[in-house]
Structures are given as C-alpha cells and as structure tokens.
Amino acid sequence: MKLWKTAQGIVLDVYVKPNSKRFQIKTEEGELVVFCRETPVKGRVNRELMKELSRLFKRRVEIVSGFSSRRKKFLVRDIEAKEVKQILGVATCAHSN
C-alpha cells in the first residue's frame, strides 16, 4: 500500500475497479484496490469513491490525480499515516469476504 505524508494529510495511491456488486476495499499484491458499484461515466465512480472514503475516514477526501483513470491518488485531510493504516486494516478485513 502506497501512501505519502503531506502538510494537508495523507495521499493514498488507489487502483479502482468499477461495476462491482458492492463497494469494498482490498489489498492485492500490496496494492490498495477499491471496488465501486458505479459505472465510470460522468464522474459517478469519483463521487462514490469520495463519499465512501470520506465516510470511512470521517475526514474530507479529495482526488489529487487520476480523475479519468483507474489509478487515482486521494488526499485524506488532517490524518496521520498510522490512523490511515489502522482504518484500512480494519476495512480490508471487514470486506474480504
């Protein structure tokens, strides 16, 4: 899982898989993979990602790069790397069914 600390928070490198049956977060070969329900049309996937990640982290989340790509970078504001890893550890365990 790739993440970077910035003055604003933590940047996450995410690979997105749209058109999934449900929203879930997994780690595959050390990479953070997010499965989205939405189709990649008119920013639907991006909106779903920001909504769900904001809910997960209880923080403001922004797309930094990859607006029209499956590879995206998200900024999670006002959070530390340790907390991000802890939350994602819980999320990936909860969604690994």
PDB file of N, CA and C in Angstrom:
ATOM      1  N   MET A   1       0.845  -1.172   0.000  1.00  0.00           N
ATOM      2  CA  MET A   1       0.000   0.000   0.000  1.00  0.00           C
ATOM      3  C   MET A   1       0.893   1.239   0.000  1.00  0.00           C
ATOM      4  N   LYS A   2       0.660   2.115  -0.960  1.00  0.00           N
ATOM      5  CA  LYS A   2       1.470   3.321  -1.081  1.00  0.00           C
ATOM      6  C   LYS A   2       0.720   4.502  -0.482  1.00  0.00           C
ATOM      7  N   LEU A   3       1.411   5.205   0.430  1.00  0.00           N
ATOM      8  CA  LEU A   3       0.860   6.442   0.965  1.00  0.00           C
ATOM      9  C   LEU A   3       1.976   7.405   1.288  1.00  0.00           C
ATOM     10  N   TRP A   4       1.662   8.707   1.212  1.00  0.00           N
ATOM     11  CA  TRP A   4       2.637   9.765   1.445  1.00  0.00           C
ATOM     12  C   TRP A   4       2.060  10.786   2.400  1.00  0.00           C
ATOM     13  N   LYS A   5       2.918  11.285   3.277  1.00  0.00           N
ATOM     14  CA  LYS A   5       2.511  12.334   4.203  1.00  0.00           C
ATOM     15  C   LYS A   5       2.749  13.687   3.549  1.00  0.00           C
ATOM     16  N   THR A   6       1.762  14.575   3.647  1.00  0.00           N
ATOM     17  CA  THR A   6       1.894  15.951   3.176  1.00  0.00           C
ATOM     18  C   THR A   6       1.485  16.877   4.315  1.00  0.00           C
ATOM     19  N   ALA A   7       1.638  18.162   4.105  1.00  0.00           N
ATOM     20  CA  ALA A   7       1.233  19.137   5.123  1.00  0.00           C
ATOM     21  C   ALA A   7      -0.279  19.114   5.351  1.00  0.00           C
ATOM     22  N   GLN A   8      -1.043  18.705   4.328  1.00  0.00           N
ATOM     23  CA  GLN A   8      -2.504  18.677   4.436  1.00  0.00           C
ATOM     24  C   GLN A   8      -3.056  17.363   4.980  1.00  0.00           C
ATOM     25  N   GLY A   9      -2.286  16.295   4.904  1.00  0.00           N
ATOM     26  CA  GLY A   9      -2.768  14.984   5.339  1.00  0.00           C
ATOM     27  C   GLY A   9      -1.977  13.870   4.676  1.00  0.00           C
ATOM     28  N   ILE A  10      -2.677  12.811   4.287  1.00  0.00           N
ATOM     29  CA  ILE A  10      -2.054  11.630   3.688  1.00  0.00           C
ATOM     30  C   ILE A  10      -2.597  11.428   2.275  1.00  0.00           C
ATOM     31  N   VAL A  11      -1.692  11.147   1.333  1.00  0.00           N
ATOM     32  CA  VAL A  11      -2.086  10.829  -0.038  1.00  0.00           C
ATOM     33  C   VAL A  11      -2.031   9.315  -0.210  1.00  0.00           C
ATOM     34  N   LEU A  12      -3.120   8.743  -0.710  1.00  0.00           N
ATOM     35  CA  LEU A  12      -3.229   7.303  -0.956  1.00  0.00           C
ATOM     36  C   LEU A  12      -3.200   7.024  -2.451  1.00  0.00           C
ATOM     37  N   ASP A  13      -2.459   6.012  -2.855  1.00  0.00           N
ATOM     38  CA  ASP A  13      -2.453   5.535  -4.231  1.00  0.00           C
ATOM     39  C   ASP A  13      -3.439   4.375  -4.292  1.00  0.00           C
ATOM     40  N   VAL A  14      -4.447   4.493  -5.159  1.00  0.00           N
ATOM     41  CA  VAL A  14      -5.548   3.528  -5.199  1.00  0.00           C
ATOM     42  C   VAL A  14      -5.766   3.053  -6.628  1.00  0.00           C
ATOM     43  N   TYR A  15      -6.042   1.757  -6.788  1.00  0.00           N
ATOM     44  CA  TYR A  15      -6.466   1.215  -8.076  1.00  0.00           C
ATOM     45  C   TYR A  15      -7.959   0.941  -7.968  1.00  0.00           C
ATOM     46  N   VAL A  16      -8.726   1.432  -8.932  1.00  0.00           N
ATOM     47  CA  VAL A  16     -10.187   1.361  -8.870  1.00  0.00           C
ATOM     48  C   VAL A  16     -10.720   0.333  -9.861  1.00  0.00           C
ATOM     49  N   LYS A  17     -11.663  -0.486  -9.392  1.00  0.00           N
ATOM     50  CA  LYS A  17     -12.357  -1.442 -10.260  1.00  0.00           C
ATOM     51  C   LYS A  17     -13.849  -1.116 -10.212  1.00  0.00           C
ATOM     52  N   PRO A  18     -14.373  -0.466 -11.273  1.00  0.00           N
ATOM     53  CA  PRO A  18     -15.790  -0.096 -11.298  1.00  0.00           C
ATOM     54  C   PRO A  18     -16.690  -1.279 -11.632  1.00  0.00           C
ATOM     55  N   ASN A  19     -17.997  -1.034 -11.582  1.00  0.00           N
ATOM     56  CA  ASN A  19     -19.029  -2.020 -11.942  1.00  0.00           C
ATOM     57  C   ASN A  19     -19.002  -3.263 -11.065  1.00  0.00           C
ATOM     58  N   SER A  20     -18.685  -3.101  -9.799  1.00  0.00           N
ATOM     59  CA  SER A  20     -18.663  -4.238  -8.874  1.00  0.00           C
ATOM     60  C   SER A  20     -20.035  -4.402  -8.226  1.00  0.00           C
ATOM     61  N   LYS A  21     -20.267  -5.561  -7.649  1.00  0.00           N
ATOM     62  CA  LYS A  21     -21.547  -5.821  -6.991  1.00  0.00           C
ATOM     63  C   LYS A  21     -21.738  -4.968  -5.749  1.00  0.00           C
ATOM     64  N   ARG A  22     -20.615  -4.664  -5.063  1.00  0.00           N
ATOM     65  CA  ARG A  22     -20.699  -3.832  -3.862  1.00  0.00           C
ATOM     66  C   ARG A  22     -19.398  -3.061  -3.688  1.00  0.00           C
ATOM     67  N   PHE A  23     -19.474  -2.001  -2.893  1.00  0.00           N
ATOM     68  CA  PHE A  23     -18.284  -1.219  -2.588  1.00  0.00           C
ATOM     69  C   PHE A  23     -17.454  -2.001  -1.587  1.00  0.00           C
ATOM     70  N   GLN A  24     -16.179  -2.187  -1.898  1.00  0.00           N
ATOM     71  CA  GLN A  24     -15.290  -2.862  -0.955  1.00  0.00           C
ATOM     72  C   GLN A  24     -13.846  -2.453  -1.203  1.00  0.00           C
ATOM     73  N   ILE A  25     -13.048  -2.611  -0.159  1.00  0.00           N
ATOM     74  CA  ILE A  25     -11.633  -2.259  -0.217  1.00  0.00           C
ATOM     75  C   ILE A  25     -10.826  -3.507   0.077  1.00  0.00           C
ATOM     76  N   LYS A  26      -9.845  -3.784  -0.778  1.00  0.00           N
ATOM     77  CA  LYS A  26      -8.980  -4.948  -0.585  1.00  0.00           C
ATOM     78  C   LYS A  26      -7.536  -4.548  -0.829  1.00  0.00           C
ATOM     79  N   THR A  27      -6.639  -5.368  -0.332  1.00  0.00           N
ATOM     80  CA  THR A  27      -5.230  -5.232  -0.657  1.00  0.00           C
ATOM     81  C   THR A  27      -4.863  -6.428  -1.521  1.00  0.00           C
ATOM     82  N   GLU A  28      -4.399  -6.153  -2.732  1.00  0.00           N
ATOM     83  CA  GLU A  28      -3.994  -7.205  -3.661  1.00  0.00           C
ATOM     84  C   GLU A  28      -2.544  -6.967  -4.052  1.00  0.00           C
ATOM     85  N   GLU A  29      -1.679  -7.919  -3.720  1.00  0.00           N
ATOM     86  CA  GLU A  29      -0.249  -7.832  -4.027  1.00  0.00           C
ATOM     87  C   GLU A  29       0.342  -6.515  -3.523  1.00  0.00           C
ATOM     88  N   GLY A  30      -0.046  -6.135  -2.314  1.00  0.00           N
ATOM     89  CA  GLY A  30       0.481  -4.931  -1.683  1.00  0.00           C
ATOM     90  C   GLY A  30      -0.117  -3.631  -2.190  1.00  0.00           C
ATOM     91  N   GLU A  31      -1.109  -3.726  -3.052  1.00  0.00           N
ATOM     92  CA  GLU A  31      -1.731  -2.545  -3.644  1.00  0.00           C
ATOM     93  C   GLU A  31      -3.149  -2.385  -3.099  1.00  0.00           C
ATOM     94  N   LEU A  32      -3.543  -1.142  -2.834  1.00  0.00           N
ATOM     95  CA  LEU A  32      -4.887  -0.860  -2.355  1.00  0.00           C
ATOM     96  C   LEU A  32      -5.835  -0.841  -3.548  1.00  0.00           C
ATOM     97  N   VAL A  33      -6.822  -1.728  -3.539  1.00  0.00           N
ATOM     98  CA  VAL A  33      -7.787  -1.840  -4.629  1.00  0.00           C
ATOM     99  C   VAL A  33      -9.169  -1.548  -4.066  1.00  0.00           C
ATOM    100  N   VAL A  34      -9.892  -0.642  -4.742  1.00  0.00           N
ATOM    101  CA  VAL A  34     -11.234  -0.284  -4.306  1.00  0.00           C
ATOM    102  C   VAL A  34     -12.213  -0.699  -5.396  1.00  0.00           C
ATOM    103  N   PHE A  35     -13.184  -1.507  -5.017  1.00  0.00           N
ATOM    104  CA  PHE A  35     -14.231  -1.965  -5.918  1.00  0.00           C
ATOM    105  C   PHE A  35     -15.429  -1.037  -5.744  1.00  0.00           C
ATOM    106  N   CYS A  36     -15.897  -0.447  -6.851  1.00  0.00           N
ATOM    107  CA  CYS A  36     -17.012   0.502  -6.816  1.00  0.00           C
ATOM    108  C   CYS A  36     -18.216  -0.065  -7.545  1.00  0.00           C
ATOM    109  N   ARG A  37     -19.394   0.291  -7.064  1.00  0.00           N
ATOM    110  CA  ARG A  37     -20.635  -0.144  -7.705  1.00  0.00           C
ATOM    111  C   ARG A  37     -20.912   0.633  -8.992  1.00  0.00           C
ATOM    112  N   GLU A  38     -20.534   1.890  -9.010  1.00  0.00           N
ATOM    113  CA  GLU A  38     -20.882   2.776 -10.123  1.00  0.00           C
ATOM    114  C   GLU A  38     -20.115   2.451 -11.402  1.00  0.00           C
ATOM    115  N   THR A  39     -20.678   2.950 -12.511  1.00  0.00           N
ATOM    116  CA  THR A  39     -20.015   2.840 -13.808  1.00  0.00           C
ATOM    117  C   THR A  39     -19.141   4.073 -14.018  1.00  0.00           C
ATOM    118  N   PRO A  40     -18.066   3.942 -14.781  1.00  0.00           N
ATOM    119  CA  PRO A  40     -17.163   5.078 -14.984  1.00  0.00           C
ATOM    120  C   PRO A  40     -17.697   6.069 -16.027  1.00  0.00           C
ATOM    121  N   VAL A  41     -18.849   6.656 -15.730  1.00  0.00           N
ATOM    122  CA  VAL A  41     -19.491   7.603 -16.636  1.00  0.00           C
ATOM    123  C   VAL A  41     -19.798   8.891 -15.879  1.00  0.00           C
ATOM    124  N   LYS A  42     -19.410  10.016 -16.448  1.00  0.00           N
ATOM    125  CA  LYS A  42     -19.728  11.349 -15.906  1.00  0.00           C
ATOM    126  C   LYS A  42     -19.342  11.517 -14.442  1.00  0.00           C
ATOM    127  N   GLY A  43     -18.213  10.940 -14.039  1.00  0.00           N
ATOM    128  CA  GLY A  43     -17.709  11.141 -12.684  1.00  0.00           C
ATOM    129  C   GLY A  43     -18.424  10.369 -11.591  1.00  0.00           C
ATOM    130  N   ARG A  44     -19.258   9.417 -11.963  1.00  0.00           N
ATOM    131  CA  ARG A  44     -20.012   8.647 -10.953  1.00  0.00           C
ATOM    132  C   ARG A  44     -19.094   7.880 -10.008  1.00  0.00           C
ATOM    133  N   VAL A  45     -18.070   7.238 -10.562  1.00  0.00           N
ATOM    134  CA  VAL A  45     -17.129   6.477  -9.731  1.00  0.00           C
ATOM    135  C   VAL A  45     -16.398   7.419  -8.780  1.00  0.00           C
ATOM    136  N   ASN A  46     -15.951   8.559  -9.276  1.00  0.00           N
ATOM    137  CA  ASN A  46     -15.239   9.517  -8.429  1.00  0.00           C
ATOM    138  C   ASN A  46     -16.115   9.991  -7.273  1.00  0.00           C
ATOM    139  N   ARG A  47     -17.379  10.285  -7.549  1.00  0.00           N
ATOM    140  CA  ARG A  47     -18.296  10.717  -6.479  1.00  0.00           C
ATOM    141  C   ARG A  47     -18.501   9.610  -5.451  1.00  0.00           C
ATOM    142  N   GLU A  48     -18.683   8.377  -5.926  1.00  0.00           N
ATOM    143  CA  GLU A  48     -18.852   7.259  -4.998  1.00  0.00           C
ATOM    144  C   GLU A  48     -17.604   7.080  -4.135  1.00  0.00           C
ATOM    145  N   LEU A  49     -16.441   7.144  -4.761  1.00  0.00           N
ATOM    146  CA  LEU A  49     -15.186   6.988  -4.022  1.00  0.00           C
ATOM    147  C   LEU A  49     -15.033   8.054  -2.946  1.00  0.00           C
ATOM    148  N   MET A  50     -15.244   9.311  -3.303  1.00  0.00           N
ATOM    149  CA  MET A  50     -15.079  10.384  -2.320  1.00  0.00           C
ATOM    150  C   MET A  50     -16.093  10.256  -1.183  1.00  0.00           C
ATOM    151  N   LYS A  51     -17.314   9.891  -1.510  1.00  0.00           N
ATOM    152  CA  LYS A  51     -18.350   9.719  -0.483  1.00  0.00           C
ATOM    153  C   LYS A  51     -17.990   8.579   0.467  1.00  0.00           C
ATOM    154  N   GLU A  52     -17.651   7.423  -0.077  1.00  0.00           N
ATOM    155  CA  GLU A  52     -17.370   6.248   0.749  1.00  0.00           C
ATOM    156  C   GLU A  52     -16.068   6.397   1.538  1.00  0.00           C
ATOM    157  N   LEU A  53     -15.037   6.958   0.915  1.00  0.00           N
ATOM    158  CA  LEU A  53     -13.773   7.147   1.633  1.00  0.00           C
ATOM    159  C   LEU A  53     -13.915   8.211   2.719  1.00  0.00           C
ATOM    160  N   SER A  54     -14.678   9.263   2.458  1.00  0.00           N
ATOM    161  CA  SER A  54     -14.944  10.277   3.494  1.00  0.00           C
ATOM    162  C   SER A  54     -15.675   9.654   4.671  1.00  0.00           C
ATOM    163  N   ARG A  55     -16.621   8.795   4.376  1.00  0.00           N
ATOM    164  CA  ARG A  55     -17.371   8.104   5.434  1.00  0.00           C
ATOM    165  C   ARG A  55     -16.443   7.177   6.230  1.00  0.00           C
ATOM    166  N   LEU A  56     -15.576   6.465   5.534  1.00  0.00           N
ATOM    167  CA  LEU A  56     -14.659   5.530   6.180  1.00  0.00           C
ATOM    168  C   LEU A  56     -13.675   6.248   7.102  1.00  0.00           C
ATOM    169  N   PHE A  57     -13.052   7.316   6.598  1.00  0.00           N
ATOM    170  CA  PHE A  57     -12.027   8.021   7.371  1.00  0.00           C
ATOM    171  C   PHE A  57     -12.594   9.094   8.299  1.00  0.00           C
ATOM    172  N   LYS A  58     -13.876   9.434   8.086  1.00  0.00           N
ATOM    173  CA  LYS A  58     -14.506  10.525   8.850  1.00  0.00           C
ATOM    174  C   LYS A  58     -13.717  11.820   8.682  1.00  0.00           C
ATOM    175  N   ARG A  59     -13.237  12.035   7.464  1.00  0.00           N
ATOM    176  CA  ARG A  59     -12.449  13.210   7.102  1.00  0.00           C
ATOM    177  C   ARG A  59     -12.810  13.620   5.673  1.00  0.00           C
ATOM    178  N   ARG A  60     -12.414  14.812   5.317  1.00  0.00           N
ATOM    179  CA  ARG A  60     -12.592  15.278   3.944  1.00  0.00           C
ATOM    180  C   ARG A  60     -11.590  14.560   3.045  1.00  0.00           C
ATOM    181  N   VAL A  61     -12.061  14.074   1.900  1.00  0.00           N
ATOM    182  CA  VAL A  61     -11.220  13.346   0.944  1.00  0.00           C
ATOM    183  C   VAL A  61     -11.334  14.033  -0.417  1.00  0.00           C
ATOM    184  N   GLU A  62     -10.192  14.215  -1.082  1.00  0.00           N
ATOM    185  CA  GLU A  62     -10.158  14.854  -2.399  1.00  0.00           C
ATOM    186  C   GLU A  62      -9.351  13.995  -3.367  1.00  0.00           C
ATOM    187  N   ILE A  63      -9.722  14.044  -4.635  1.00  0.00           N
ATOM    188  CA  ILE A  63      -8.917  13.387  -5.666  1.00  0.00           C
ATOM    189  C   ILE A  63      -7.792  14.341  -6.049  1.00  0.00           C
ATOM    190  N   VAL A  64      -6.564  13.859  -5.973  1.00  0.00           N
ATOM    191  CA  VAL A  64      -5.389  14.664  -6.316  1.00  0.00           C
ATOM    192  C   VAL A  64      -5.013  14.449  -7.779  1.00  0.00           C
ATOM    193  N   SER A  65      -5.104  13.207  -8.245  1.00  0.00           N
ATOM    194  CA  SER A  65      -4.807  12.904  -9.651  1.00  0.00           C
ATOM    195  C   SER A  65      -5.545  11.642 -10.066  1.00  0.00           C
ATOM    196  N   GLY A  66      -5.687  11.477 -11.385  1.00  0.00           N
ATOM    197  CA  GLY A  66      -6.339  10.288 -11.913  1.00  0.00           C
ATOM    198  C   GLY A  66      -7.837  10.431 -12.066  1.00  0.00           C
ATOM    199  N   PHE A  67      -8.314  11.638 -12.341  1.00  0.00           N
ATOM    200  CA  PHE A  67      -9.753  11.878 -12.444  1.00  0.00           C
ATOM    201  C   PHE A  67     -10.424  10.969 -13.466  1.00  0.00           C
ATOM    202  N   SER A  68      -9.734  10.656 -14.563  1.00  0.00           N
ATOM    203  CA  SER A  68     -10.331   9.811 -15.601  1.00  0.00           C
ATOM    204  C   SER A  68      -9.555   8.512 -15.789  1.00  0.00           C
ATOM    205  N   SER A  69      -8.873   8.084 -14.744  1.00  0.00           N
ATOM    206  CA  SER A  69      -8.050   6.876 -14.800  1.00  0.00           C
ATOM    207  C   SER A  69      -8.482   5.906 -13.702  1.00  0.00           C
ATOM    208  N   ARG A  70      -8.119   4.659 -13.854  1.00  0.00           N
ATOM    209  CA  ARG A  70      -8.382   3.693 -12.780  1.00  0.00           C
ATOM    210  C   ARG A  70      -7.383   3.845 -11.643  1.00  0.00           C
ATOM    211  N   ARG A  71      -6.232   4.410 -11.939  1.00  0.00           N
ATOM    212  CA  ARG A  71      -5.217   4.674 -10.914  1.00  0.00           C
ATOM    213  C   ARG A  71      -5.428   6.099 -10.420  1.00  0.00           C
ATOM    214  N   LYS A  72      -5.737   6.241  -9.135  1.00  0.00           N
ATOM    215  CA  LYS A  72      -6.048   7.547  -8.560  1.00  0.00           C
ATOM    216  C   LYS A  72      -5.225   7.793  -7.311  1.00  0.00           C
ATOM    217  N   LYS A  73      -5.043   9.073  -7.019  1.00  0.00           N
ATOM    218  CA  LYS A  73      -4.412   9.480  -5.767  1.00  0.00           C
ATOM    219  C   LYS A  73      -5.425  10.329  -5.013  1.00  0.00           C
ATOM    220  N   PHE A  74      -5.647   9.971  -3.748  1.00  0.00           N
ATOM    221  CA  PHE A  74      -6.591  10.681  -2.889  1.00  0.00           C
ATOM    222  C   PHE A  74      -5.858  11.328  -1.739  1.00  0.00           C
ATOM    223  N   LEU A  75      -6.262  12.537  -1.401  1.00  0.00           N
ATOM    224  CA  LEU A  75      -5.759  13.218  -0.218  1.00  0.00           C
ATOM    225  C   LEU A  75      -6.804  13.078   0.879  1.00  0.00           C
ATOM    226  N   VAL A  76      -6.408  12.461   1.982  1.00  0.00           N
ATOM    227  CA  VAL A  76      -7.262  12.380   3.169  1.00  0.00           C
ATOM    228  C   VAL A  76      -6.745  13.467   4.101  1.00  0.00           C
ATOM    229  N   ARG A  77      -7.551  14.470   4.339  1.00  0.00           N
ATOM    230  CA  ARG A  77      -7.107  15.650   5.095  1.00  0.00           C
ATOM    231  C   ARG A  77      -7.046  15.399   6.594  1.00  0.00           C
ATOM    232  N   ASP A  78      -6.049  16.044   7.211  1.00  0.00           N
ATOM    233  CA  ASP A  78      -5.928  16.099   8.678  1.00  0.00           C
ATOM    234  C   ASP A  78      -5.946  14.724   9.340  1.00  0.00           C
ATOM    235  N   ILE A  79      -5.071  13.847   8.881  1.00  0.00           N
ATOM    236  CA  ILE A  79      -4.984  12.496   9.442  1.00  0.00           C
ATOM    237  C   ILE A  79      -3.518  12.055   9.387  1.00  0.00           C
ATOM    238  N   GLU A  80      -3.148  11.149  10.240  1.00  0.00           N
ATOM    239  CA  GLU A  80      -1.783  10.614  10.280  1.00  0.00           C
ATOM    240  C   GLU A  80      -1.735   9.251   9.594  1.00  0.00           C
ATOM    241  N   ALA A  81      -0.563   8.878   9.111  1.00  0.00           N
ATOM    242  CA  ALA A  81      -0.377   7.613   8.398  1.00  0.00           C
ATOM    243  C   ALA A  81      -0.776   6.418   9.258  1.00  0.00           C
ATOM    244  N   LYS A  82      -0.446   6.466  10.536  1.00  0.00           N
ATOM    245  CA  LYS A  82      -0.769   5.359  11.437  1.00  0.00           C
ATOM    246  C   LYS A  82      -2.279   5.117  11.494  1.00  0.00           C
ATOM    247  N   GLU A  83      -3.045   6.206  11.566  1.00  0.00           N
ATOM    248  CA  GLU A  83      -4.501   6.081  11.626  1.00  0.00           C
ATOM    249  C   GLU A  83      -5.067   5.564  10.304  1.00  0.00           C
ATOM    250  N   VAL A  84      -4.509   6.027   9.181  1.00  0.00           N
ATOM    251  CA  VAL A  84      -4.946   5.548   7.868  1.00  0.00           C
ATOM    252  C   VAL A  84      -4.724   4.040   7.761  1.00  0.00           C
ATOM    253  N   LYS A  85      -3.534   3.594   8.136  1.00  0.00           N
ATOM    254  CA  LYS A  85      -3.224   2.162   8.072  1.00  0.00           C
ATOM    255  C   LYS A  85      -4.143   1.357   8.980  1.00  0.00           C
ATOM    256  N   GLN A  86      -4.421   1.879  10.153  1.00  0.00           N
ATOM    257  CA  GLN A  86      -5.310   1.185  11.088  1.00  0.00           C
ATOM    258  C   GLN A  86      -6.720   1.075  10.507  1.00  0.00           C
ATOM    259  N   ILE A  87      -7.247   2.173   9.992  1.00  0.00           N
ATOM    260  CA  ILE A  87      -8.596   2.168   9.416  1.00  0.00           C
ATOM    261  C   ILE A  87      -8.660   1.246   8.209  1.00  0.00           C
ATOM    262  N   LEU A  88      -7.668   1.321   7.329  1.00  0.00           N
ATOM    263  CA  LEU A  88      -7.663   0.464   6.141  1.00  0.00           C
ATOM    264  C   LEU A  88      -7.477  -0.997   6.507  1.00  0.00           C
ATOM    265  N   GLY A  89      -6.723  -1.275   7.541  1.00  0.00           N
ATOM    266  CA  GLY A  89      -6.572  -2.652   8.008  1.00  0.00           C
ATOM    267  C   GLY A  89      -7.896  -3.236   8.437  1.00  0.00           C
ATOM    268  N   VAL A  90      -8.663  -2.447   9.156  1.00  0.00           N
ATOM    269  CA  VAL A  90      -9.994  -2.877   9.593  1.00  0.00           C
ATOM    270  C   VAL A  90     -10.915  -3.002   8.388  1.00  0.00           C
ATOM    271  N   ALA A  91     -10.864  -2.027   7.473  1.00  0.00           N
ATOM    272  CA  ALA A  91     -11.747  -2.036   6.305  1.00  0.00           C
ATOM    273  C   ALA A  91     -11.459  -3.211   5.391  1.00  0.00           C
ATOM    274  N   THR A  92     -10.188  -3.514   5.151  1.00  0.00           N
ATOM    275  CA  THR A  92      -9.866  -4.621   4.253  1.00  0.00           C
ATOM    276  C   THR A  92     -10.220  -5.958   4.879  1.00  0.00           C
ATOM    277  N   CYS A  93     -10.118  -6.072   6.199  1.00  0.00           N
ATOM    278  CA  CYS A  93     -10.533  -7.308   6.875  1.00  0.00           C
ATOM    279  C   CYS A  93     -12.046  -7.466   6.809  1.00  0.00           C
ATOM    280  N   ALA A  94     -12.764  -6.377   7.018  1.00  0.00           N
ATOM    281  CA  ALA A  94     -14.225  -6.420   7.026  1.00  0.00           C
ATOM    282  C   ALA A  94     -14.790  -6.714   5.645  1.00  0.00           C
ATOM    283  N   HIS A  95     -14.077  -6.338   4.585  1.00  0.00           N
ATOM    284  CA  HIS A  95     -14.581  -6.505   3.226  1.00  0.00           C
ATOM    285  C   HIS A  95     -13.935  -7.662   2.480  1.00  0.00           C
ATOM    286  N   SER A  96     -13.234  -8.519   3.165  1.00  0.00           N
ATOM    287  CA  SER A  96     -12.527  -9.599   2.464  1.00  0.00           C
ATOM    288  C   SER A  96     -13.353 -10.868   2.318  1.00  0.00           C
ATOM    289  N   ASN A  97     -14.622 -10.794   2.589  1.00  0.00           N
ATOM    290  CA  ASN A  97     -15.492 -11.985   2.485  1.00  0.00           C
ATOM    291  C   ASN A  97     -15.699 -12.403   1.065  1.00  0.00           C
TER     292      ASN A  97
END
